[in-house]
Full PDB file with SEQRES, HELIX, SHEET, SSBOND, CRYST1, ORIGX, SCALE, CONECT and MASTER records, all heavy atoms in Angstrom:
SEQRES   1 A   32  ASP VAL ASN LEU PRO SER PHE ASP GLY TYR TYR TRP CYS          
SEQRES   2 A   32  ARG GLN ILE ARG LEU VAL SER THR CYS PRO ILE ILE PHE          
SEQRES   3 A   32  ILE SER ALA ARG SER GLY                                      
HELIX    1 AA1 GLY A    9  ARG A   17  1                                   9    
CRYST1    1.000    1.000    1.000  90.00  90.00  90.00 P 1           1          
ORIGX1      1.000000  0.000000  0.000000        0.00000                         
ORIGX2      0.000000  1.000000  0.000000        0.00000                         
ORIGX3      0.000000  0.000000  1.000000        0.00000                         
SCALE1      1.000000  0.000000  0.000000        0.00000                         
SCALE2      0.000000  1.000000  0.000000        0.00000                         
SCALE3      0.000000  0.000000  1.000000        0.00000                         
ATOM      1  N   ASP A   1     106.040 102.305 106.870  1.00  0.00           N  
ATOM      2  CA  ASP A   1     105.385 101.423 105.906  1.00  0.00           C  
ATOM      3  C   ASP A   1     103.881 101.692 105.910  1.00  0.00           C  
ATOM      4  O   ASP A   1     103.337 102.189 106.903  1.00  0.00           O  
ATOM      5  CB  ASP A   1     105.677  99.968 106.276  1.00  0.00           C  
ATOM      6  CG  ASP A   1     105.272  98.995 105.173  1.00  0.00           C  
ATOM      7  OD1 ASP A   1     104.949  99.451 104.052  1.00  0.00           O  
ATOM      8  OD2 ASP A   1     105.284  97.781 105.436  1.00  0.00           O  
ATOM      9  N   VAL A   2     103.212 101.352 104.812  1.00  0.00           N  
ATOM     10  CA  VAL A   2     101.762 101.520 104.740  1.00  0.00           C  
ATOM     11  C   VAL A   2     101.063 100.333 105.390  1.00  0.00           C  
ATOM     12  O   VAL A   2     100.195 100.485 106.245  1.00  0.00           O  
ATOM     13  CB  VAL A   2     101.284 101.693 103.280  1.00  0.00           C  
ATOM     14  CG1 VAL A   2      99.760 101.691 103.227  1.00  0.00           C  
ATOM     15  CG2 VAL A   2     101.824 102.981 102.689  1.00  0.00           C  
ATOM     16  N   ASN A   3     101.425  99.131 104.971  1.00  0.00           N  
ATOM     17  CA  ASN A   3     100.769  97.920 105.468  1.00  0.00           C  
ATOM     18  C   ASN A   3     101.368  97.495 106.806  1.00  0.00           C  
ATOM     19  O   ASN A   3     102.464  96.954 106.866  1.00  0.00           O  
ATOM     20  CB  ASN A   3     100.922  96.787 104.452  1.00  0.00           C  
ATOM     21  CG  ASN A   3     100.201  97.085 103.156  1.00  0.00           C  
ATOM     22  OD1 ASN A   3      99.108  97.631 103.163  1.00  0.00           O  
ATOM     23  ND2 ASN A   3     100.819  96.736 102.040  1.00  0.00           N  
ATOM     24  N   LEU A   4     100.622  97.777 107.859  1.00  0.00           N  
ATOM     25  CA  LEU A   4     101.073  97.443 109.215  1.00  0.00           C  
ATOM     26  C   LEU A   4      99.950  96.725 109.963  1.00  0.00           C  
ATOM     27  O   LEU A   4      98.774  96.888 109.624  1.00  0.00           O  
ATOM     28  CB  LEU A   4     101.447  98.720 109.979  1.00  0.00           C  
ATOM     29  CG  LEU A   4     102.636  99.526 109.458  1.00  0.00           C  
ATOM     30  CD1 LEU A   4     102.689 100.879 110.144  1.00  0.00           C  
ATOM     31  CD2 LEU A   4     103.943  98.762 109.672  1.00  0.00           C  
ATOM     32  N   PRO A   5     100.282  95.946 110.987  1.00  0.00           N  
ATOM     33  CA  PRO A   5      99.235  95.312 111.801  1.00  0.00           C  
ATOM     34  C   PRO A   5      98.382  96.363 112.510  1.00  0.00           C  
ATOM     35  O   PRO A   5      98.854  97.445 112.838  1.00  0.00           O  
ATOM     36  CB  PRO A   5     100.042  94.485 112.817  1.00  0.00           C  
ATOM     37  CG  PRO A   5     101.394  94.320 112.208  1.00  0.00           C  
ATOM     38  CD  PRO A   5     101.642  95.557 111.399  1.00  0.00           C  
ATOM     39  N   SER A   6      97.142  96.034 112.753  1.00  0.00           N  
ATOM     40  CA  SER A   6      96.198  96.874 113.519  1.00  0.00           C  
ATOM     41  C   SER A   6      95.815  98.142 112.771  1.00  0.00           C  
ATOM     42  O   SER A   6      94.700  98.280 112.285  1.00  0.00           O  
ATOM     43  CB  SER A   6      96.760  97.226 114.895  1.00  0.00           C  
ATOM     44  OG  SER A   6      97.021  96.044 115.629  1.00  0.00           O  
ATOM     45  N   PHE A   7      96.722  99.113 112.658  1.00  0.00           N  
ATOM     46  CA  PHE A   7      96.437 100.367 111.966  1.00  0.00           C  
ATOM     47  C   PHE A   7      97.471 100.562 110.863  1.00  0.00           C  
ATOM     48  O   PHE A   7      98.643 100.220 111.042  1.00  0.00           O  
ATOM     49  CB  PHE A   7      96.483 101.558 112.931  1.00  0.00           C  
ATOM     50  CG  PHE A   7      95.501 101.463 114.061  1.00  0.00           C  
ATOM     51  CD1 PHE A   7      95.901 100.987 115.298  1.00  0.00           C  
ATOM     52  CD2 PHE A   7      94.185 101.838 113.880  1.00  0.00           C  
ATOM     53  CE1 PHE A   7      95.004 100.896 116.351  1.00  0.00           C  
ATOM     54  CE2 PHE A   7      93.271 101.753 114.925  1.00  0.00           C  
ATOM     55  CZ  PHE A   7      93.681 101.272 116.164  1.00  0.00           C  
ATOM     56  N   ASP A   8      97.042 101.137 109.743  1.00  0.00           N  
ATOM     57  CA  ASP A   8      97.986 101.308 108.637  1.00  0.00           C  
ATOM     58  C   ASP A   8      98.847 102.556 108.819  1.00  0.00           C  
ATOM     59  O   ASP A   8      98.659 103.350 109.752  1.00  0.00           O  
ATOM     60  CB  ASP A   8      97.264 101.333 107.283  1.00  0.00           C  
ATOM     61  CG  ASP A   8      96.292 102.499 107.134  1.00  0.00           C  
ATOM     62  OD1 ASP A   8      96.450 103.516 107.838  1.00  0.00           O  
ATOM     63  OD2 ASP A   8      95.370 102.401 106.300  1.00  0.00           O  
ATOM     64  N   GLY A   9      99.808 102.715 107.926  1.00  0.00           N  
ATOM     65  CA  GLY A   9     100.735 103.833 108.017  1.00  0.00           C  
ATOM     66  C   GLY A   9     100.071 105.187 107.865  1.00  0.00           C  
ATOM     67  O   GLY A   9     100.541 106.179 108.450  1.00  0.00           O  
ATOM     68  N   TYR A  10      98.990 105.266 107.097  1.00  0.00           N  
ATOM     69  CA  TYR A  10      98.282 106.538 106.942  1.00  0.00           C  
ATOM     70  C   TYR A  10      97.760 107.021 108.295  1.00  0.00           C  
ATOM     71  O   TYR A  10      97.848 108.210 108.625  1.00  0.00           O  
ATOM     72  CB  TYR A  10      97.112 106.397 105.967  1.00  0.00           C  
ATOM     73  CG  TYR A  10      97.492 105.892 104.599  1.00  0.00           C  
ATOM     74  CD1 TYR A  10      96.846 104.794 104.041  1.00  0.00           C  
ATOM     75  CD2 TYR A  10      98.491 106.513 103.866  1.00  0.00           C  
ATOM     76  CE1 TYR A  10      97.185 104.324 102.784  1.00  0.00           C  
ATOM     77  CE2 TYR A  10      98.844 106.052 102.601  1.00  0.00           C  
ATOM     78  CZ  TYR A  10      98.182 104.954 102.071  1.00  0.00           C  
ATOM     79  OH  TYR A  10      98.518 104.497 100.821  1.00  0.00           O  
ATOM     80  N   TYR A  11      97.212 106.075 109.062  1.00  0.00           N  
ATOM     81  CA  TYR A  11      96.693 106.422 110.391  1.00  0.00           C  
ATOM     82  C   TYR A  11      97.807 106.951 111.288  1.00  0.00           C  
ATOM     83  O   TYR A  11      97.662 107.999 111.929  1.00  0.00           O  
ATOM     84  CB  TYR A  11      96.042 105.189 111.029  1.00  0.00           C  
ATOM     85  CG  TYR A  11      95.688 105.381 112.483  1.00  0.00           C  
ATOM     86  CD1 TYR A  11      94.499 106.009 112.843  1.00  0.00           C  
ATOM     87  CD2 TYR A  11      96.543 104.938 113.488  1.00  0.00           C  
ATOM     88  CE1 TYR A  11      94.166 106.193 114.178  1.00  0.00           C  
ATOM     89  CE2 TYR A  11      96.218 105.121 114.832  1.00  0.00           C  
ATOM     90  CZ  TYR A  11      95.035 105.749 115.170  1.00  0.00           C  
ATOM     91  OH  TYR A  11      94.712 105.949 116.491  1.00  0.00           O  
ATOM     92  N   TRP A  12      98.935 106.220 111.314  1.00  0.00           N  
ATOM     93  CA  TRP A  12     100.018 106.645 112.205  1.00  0.00           C  
ATOM     94  C   TRP A  12     100.656 107.953 111.744  1.00  0.00           C  
ATOM     95  O   TRP A  12     101.107 108.749 112.571  1.00  0.00           O  
ATOM     96  CB  TRP A  12     101.070 105.545 112.319  1.00  0.00           C  
ATOM     97  CG  TRP A  12     100.571 104.363 113.090  1.00  0.00           C  
ATOM     98  CD1 TRP A  12     100.442 103.078 112.656  1.00  0.00           C  
ATOM     99  CD2 TRP A  12     100.104 104.375 114.446  1.00  0.00           C  
ATOM    100  NE1 TRP A  12      99.928 102.284 113.652  1.00  0.00           N  
ATOM    101  CE2 TRP A  12      99.715 103.052 114.762  1.00  0.00           C  
ATOM    102  CE3 TRP A  12      99.980 105.355 115.418  1.00  0.00           C  
ATOM    103  CZ2 TRP A  12      99.212 102.700 116.010  1.00  0.00           C  
ATOM    104  CZ3 TRP A  12      99.477 105.008 116.661  1.00  0.00           C  
ATOM    105  CH2 TRP A  12      99.093 103.703 116.950  1.00  0.00           C  
ATOM    106  N   CYS A  13     100.658 108.186 110.444  1.00  0.00           N  
ATOM    107  CA  CYS A  13     101.169 109.466 109.934  1.00  0.00           C  
ATOM    108  C   CYS A  13     100.320 110.616 110.460  1.00  0.00           C  
ATOM    109  O   CYS A  13     100.841 111.635 110.916  1.00  0.00           O  
ATOM    110  CB  CYS A  13     101.175 109.459 108.401  1.00  0.00           C  
ATOM    111  SG  CYS A  13     101.964 110.903 107.663  1.00  0.00           S  
ATOM    112  N   ARG A  14      99.000 110.441 110.428  1.00  0.00           N  
ATOM    113  CA  ARG A  14      98.107 111.489 110.944  1.00  0.00           C  
ATOM    114  C   ARG A  14      98.321 111.714 112.434  1.00  0.00           C  
ATOM    115  O   ARG A  14      98.305 112.862 112.910  1.00  0.00           O  
ATOM    116  CB  ARG A  14      96.634 111.117 110.686  1.00  0.00           C  
ATOM    117  CG  ARG A  14      96.240 111.120 109.229  1.00  0.00           C  
ATOM    118  CD  ARG A  14      94.729 111.096 109.067  1.00  0.00           C  
ATOM    119  NE  ARG A  14      94.114 109.932 109.705  1.00  0.00           N  
ATOM    120  CZ  ARG A  14      93.948 108.760 109.127  1.00  0.00           C  
ATOM    121  NH1 ARG A  14      94.379 108.558 107.883  1.00  0.00           N  
ATOM    122  NH2 ARG A  14      93.358 107.760 109.759  1.00  0.00           N  
ATOM    123  N   GLN A  15      98.518 110.624 113.185  1.00  0.00           N  
ATOM    124  CA  GLN A  15      98.729 110.754 114.623  1.00  0.00           C  
ATOM    125  C   GLN A  15     100.031 111.491 114.939  1.00  0.00           C  
ATOM    126  O   GLN A  15     100.074 112.348 115.822  1.00  0.00           O  
ATOM    127  CB  GLN A  15      98.745 109.365 115.281  1.00  0.00           C  
ATOM    128  CG  GLN A  15      97.450 108.588 115.146  1.00  0.00           C  
ATOM    129  CD  GLN A  15      96.248 109.377 115.641  1.00  0.00           C  
ATOM    130  OE1 GLN A  15      96.208 109.806 116.794  1.00  0.00           O  
ATOM    131  NE2 GLN A  15      95.274 109.589 114.784  1.00  0.00           N  
ATOM    132  N   ILE A  16     101.084 111.172 114.210  1.00  0.00           N  
ATOM    133  CA  ILE A  16     102.367 111.847 114.429  1.00  0.00           C  
ATOM    134  C   ILE A  16     102.262 113.323 114.085  1.00  0.00           C  
ATOM    135  O   ILE A  16     102.820 114.179 114.777  1.00  0.00           O  
ATOM    136  CB  ILE A  16     103.477 111.167 113.602  1.00  0.00           C  
ATOM    137  CG1 ILE A  16     103.767 109.764 114.157  1.00  0.00           C  
ATOM    138  CG2 ILE A  16     104.761 112.007 113.605  1.00  0.00           C  
ATOM    139  CD1 ILE A  16     104.678 108.933 113.285  1.00  0.00           C  
ATOM    140  N   ARG A  17     101.512 113.630 113.037  1.00  0.00           N  
ATOM    141  CA  ARG A  17     101.370 115.029 112.624  1.00  0.00           C  
ATOM    142  C   ARG A  17     100.620 115.872 113.657  1.00  0.00           C  
ATOM    143  O   ARG A  17     100.716 117.107 113.630  1.00  0.00           O  
ATOM    144  CB  ARG A  17     100.660 115.108 111.263  1.00  0.00           C  
ATOM    145  CG  ARG A  17     101.582 114.840 110.091  1.00  0.00           C  
ATOM    146  CD  ARG A  17     102.571 115.997 109.921  1.00  0.00           C  
ATOM    147  NE  ARG A  17     103.621 115.681 108.961  1.00  0.00           N  
ATOM    148  CZ  ARG A  17     104.860 115.345 109.290  1.00  0.00           C  
ATOM    149  NH1 ARG A  17     105.214 115.272 110.562  1.00  0.00           N  
ATOM    150  NH2 ARG A  17     105.749 115.082 108.369  1.00  0.00           N  
ATOM    151  N   LEU A  18      99.903 115.246 114.561  1.00  0.00           N  
ATOM    152  CA  LEU A  18      99.235 115.999 115.630  1.00  0.00           C  
ATOM    153  C   LEU A  18     100.229 116.545 116.638  1.00  0.00           C  
ATOM    154  O   LEU A  18      99.921 117.497 117.360  1.00  0.00           O  
ATOM    155  CB  LEU A  18      98.207 115.110 116.344  1.00  0.00           C  
ATOM    156  CG  LEU A  18      96.992 114.663 115.522  1.00  0.00           C  
ATOM    157  CD1 LEU A  18      96.145 113.696 116.338  1.00  0.00           C  
ATOM    158  CD2 LEU A  18      96.161 115.871 115.098  1.00  0.00           C  
ATOM    159  N   VAL A  19     101.422 115.935 116.708  1.00  0.00           N  
ATOM    160  CA  VAL A  19     102.382 116.330 117.735  1.00  0.00           C  
ATOM    161  C   VAL A  19     103.730 116.761 117.178  1.00  0.00           C  
ATOM    162  O   VAL A  19     104.570 117.281 117.927  1.00  0.00           O  
ATOM    163  CB  VAL A  19     102.606 115.183 118.752  1.00  0.00           C  
ATOM    164  CG1 VAL A  19     101.306 114.817 119.454  1.00  0.00           C  
ATOM    165  CG2 VAL A  19     103.199 113.945 118.074  1.00  0.00           C  
ATOM    166  N   SER A  20     103.977 116.564 115.877  1.00  0.00           N  
ATOM    167  CA  SER A  20     105.316 116.847 115.351  1.00  0.00           C  
ATOM    168  C   SER A  20     105.275 117.167 113.861  1.00  0.00           C  
ATOM    169  O   SER A  20     104.398 116.691 113.124  1.00  0.00           O  
ATOM    170  CB  SER A  20     106.236 115.642 115.580  1.00  0.00           C  
ATOM    171  OG  SER A  20     107.506 115.845 114.986  1.00  0.00           O  
ATOM    172  N   THR A  21     106.244 117.958 113.434  1.00  0.00           N  
ATOM    173  CA  THR A  21     106.413 118.259 112.011  1.00  0.00           C  
ATOM    174  C   THR A  21     107.664 117.592 111.447  1.00  0.00           C  
ATOM    175  O   THR A  21     108.136 117.959 110.378  1.00  0.00           O  
ATOM    176  CB  THR A  21     106.525 119.786 111.797  1.00  0.00           C  
ATOM    177  OG1 THR A  21     107.646 120.285 112.550  1.00  0.00           O  
ATOM    178  CG2 THR A  21     105.265 120.495 112.234  1.00  0.00           C  
ATOM    179  N   CYS A  22     108.222 116.611 112.153  1.00  0.00           N  
ATOM    180  CA  CYS A  22     109.444 115.954 111.677  1.00  0.00           C  
ATOM    181  C   CYS A  22     109.175 115.258 110.344  1.00  0.00           C  
ATOM    182  O   CYS A  22     108.047 114.838 110.076  1.00  0.00           O  
ATOM    183  CB  CYS A  22     109.974 114.969 112.716  1.00  0.00           C  
ATOM    184  SG  CYS A  22     109.281 113.322 112.622  1.00  0.00           S  
ATOM    185  N   PRO A  23     110.184 115.106 109.493  1.00  0.00           N  
ATOM    186  CA  PRO A  23     109.981 114.475 108.184  1.00  0.00           C  
ATOM    187  C   PRO A  23     109.490 113.035 108.316  1.00  0.00           C  
ATOM    188  O   PRO A  23     109.965 112.286 109.173  1.00  0.00           O  
ATOM    189  CB  PRO A  23     111.377 114.523 107.550  1.00  0.00           C  
ATOM    190  CG  PRO A  23     112.098 115.609 108.267  1.00  0.00           C  
ATOM    191  CD  PRO A  23     111.566 115.602 109.659  1.00  0.00           C  
ATOM    192  N   ILE A  24     108.555 112.671 107.455  1.00  0.00           N  
ATOM    193  CA  ILE A  24     108.034 111.307 107.382  1.00  0.00           C  
ATOM    194  C   ILE A  24     108.157 110.827 105.937  1.00  0.00           C  
ATOM    195  O   ILE A  24     107.630 111.463 105.028  1.00  0.00           O  
ATOM    196  CB  ILE A  24     106.569 111.225 107.837  1.00  0.00           C  
ATOM    197  CG1 ILE A  24     106.430 111.661 109.304  1.00  0.00           C  
ATOM    198  CG2 ILE A  24     106.023 109.805 107.645  1.00  0.00           C  
ATOM    199  CD1 ILE A  24     104.986 111.724 109.793  1.00  0.00           C  
ATOM    200  N   ILE A  25     108.865 109.718 105.739  1.00  0.00           N  
ATOM    201  CA  ILE A  25     109.016 109.127 104.413  1.00  0.00           C  
ATOM    202  C   ILE A  25     108.320 107.773 104.413  1.00  0.00           C  
ATOM    203  O   ILE A  25     108.658 106.899 105.214  1.00  0.00           O  
ATOM    204  CB  ILE A  25     110.500 108.936 104.035  1.00  0.00           C  
ATOM    205  CG1 ILE A  25     111.239 110.281 104.042  1.00  0.00           C  
ATOM    206  CG2 ILE A  25     110.617 108.271 102.664  1.00  0.00           C  
ATOM    207  CD1 ILE A  25     112.734 110.159 103.747  1.00  0.00           C  
ATOM    208  N   PHE A  26     107.351 107.600 103.512  1.00  0.00           N  
ATOM    209  CA  PHE A  26     106.687 106.308 103.375  1.00  0.00           C  
ATOM    210  C   PHE A  26     107.553 105.366 102.547  1.00  0.00           C  
ATOM    211  O   PHE A  26     108.196 105.778 101.569  1.00  0.00           O  
ATOM    212  CB  PHE A  26     105.334 106.475 102.693  1.00  0.00           C  
ATOM    213  CG  PHE A  26     104.199 106.705 103.657  1.00  0.00           C  
ATOM    214  CD1 PHE A  26     103.898 107.976 104.102  1.00  0.00           C  
ATOM    215  CD2 PHE A  26     103.425 105.645 104.112  1.00  0.00           C  
ATOM    216  CE1 PHE A  26     102.850 108.196 104.986  1.00  0.00           C  
ATOM    217  CE2 PHE A  26     102.384 105.847 104.992  1.00  0.00           C  
ATOM    218  CZ  PHE A  26     102.094 107.126 105.434  1.00  0.00           C  
ATOM    219  N   ILE A  27     107.572 104.083 102.941  1.00  0.00           N  
ATOM    220  CA  ILE A  27     108.192 103.031 102.146  1.00  0.00           C  
ATOM    221  C   ILE A  27     107.133 101.946 101.981  1.00  0.00           C  
ATOM    222  O   ILE A  27     106.673 101.376 102.963  1.00  0.00           O  
ATOM    223  CB  ILE A  27     109.461 102.477 102.824  1.00  0.00           C  
ATOM    224  CG1 ILE A  27     109.227 102.191 104.308  1.00  0.00           C  
ATOM    225  CG2 ILE A  27     110.629 103.442 102.670  1.00  0.00           C  
ATOM    226  CD1 ILE A  27     110.391 101.509 105.005  1.00  0.00           C  
ATOM    227  N   SER A  28     106.743 101.654 100.732  1.00  0.00           N  
ATOM    228  CA  SER A  28     105.613 100.763 100.543  1.00  0.00           C  
ATOM    229  C   SER A  28     105.681 100.027  99.214  1.00  0.00           C  
ATOM    230  O   SER A  28     106.225 100.543  98.225  1.00  0.00           O  
ATOM    231  CB  SER A  28     104.304 101.564 100.609  1.00  0.00           C  
ATOM    232  OG  SER A  28     103.195 100.744 100.320  1.00  0.00           O  
ATOM    233  N   ALA A  29     105.085  98.827  99.195  1.00  0.00           N  
ATOM    234  CA  ALA A  29     104.960  98.067  97.950  1.00  0.00           C  
ATOM    235  C   ALA A  29     103.814  98.598  97.098  1.00  0.00           C  
ATOM    236  O   ALA A  29     103.690  98.236  95.930  1.00  0.00           O  
ATOM    237  CB  ALA A  29     104.746  96.589  98.268  1.00  0.00           C  
ATOM    238  N   ARG A  30     102.995  99.446  97.674  1.00  0.00           N  
ATOM    239  CA  ARG A  30     101.897 100.053  96.913  1.00  0.00           C  
ATOM    240  C   ARG A  30     102.477 101.154  96.022  1.00  0.00           C  
ATOM    241  O   ARG A  30     102.918 102.187  96.519  1.00  0.00           O  
ATOM    242  CB  ARG A  30     100.847 100.636  97.850  1.00  0.00           C  
ATOM    243  CG  ARG A  30     100.193  99.617  98.769  1.00  0.00           C  
ATOM    244  CD  ARG A  30      99.056 100.283  99.544  1.00  0.00           C  
ATOM    245  NE  ARG A  30      98.488  99.405 100.543  1.00  0.00           N  
ATOM    246  CZ  ARG A  30      97.443  99.742 101.316  1.00  0.00           C  
ATOM    247  NH1 ARG A  30      96.887 100.946 101.185  1.00  0.00           N  
ATOM    248  NH2 ARG A  30      96.984  98.892 102.199  1.00  0.00           N  
ATOM    249  N   SER A  31     102.457 100.928  94.739  1.00  0.00           N  
ATOM    250  CA  SER A  31     103.123 101.857  93.826  1.00  0.00           C  
ATOM    251  C   SER A  31     102.157 102.759  93.056  1.00  0.00           C  
ATOM    252  O   SER A  31     102.590 103.596  92.262  1.00  0.00           O  
ATOM    253  CB  SER A  31     103.971 101.072  92.805  1.00  0.00           C  
ATOM    254  OG  SER A  31     103.159 100.149  92.088  1.00  0.00           O  
ATOM    255  N   GLY A  32     100.861 102.597  93.285  1.00  0.00           N  
ATOM    256  CA  GLY A  32      99.882 103.388  92.549  1.00  0.00           C  
ATOM    257  C   GLY A  32      99.864 104.847  92.972  1.00  0.00           C  
ATOM    258  O   GLY A  32     100.169 105.191  94.116  1.00  0.00           O  
TER     259      GLY A  32                                                      
MASTER        0    0    0    1    0    0    0    6  258    1    0    3          
END                                                                             
């Protein structure tokens, strides 16, 4: 999800990409 407590999904996506190339699918109410 994008809207998360403390840090948003964009931040965690970047952190995961530092250690893994596994697929990441965002699910969010932000439709823009």
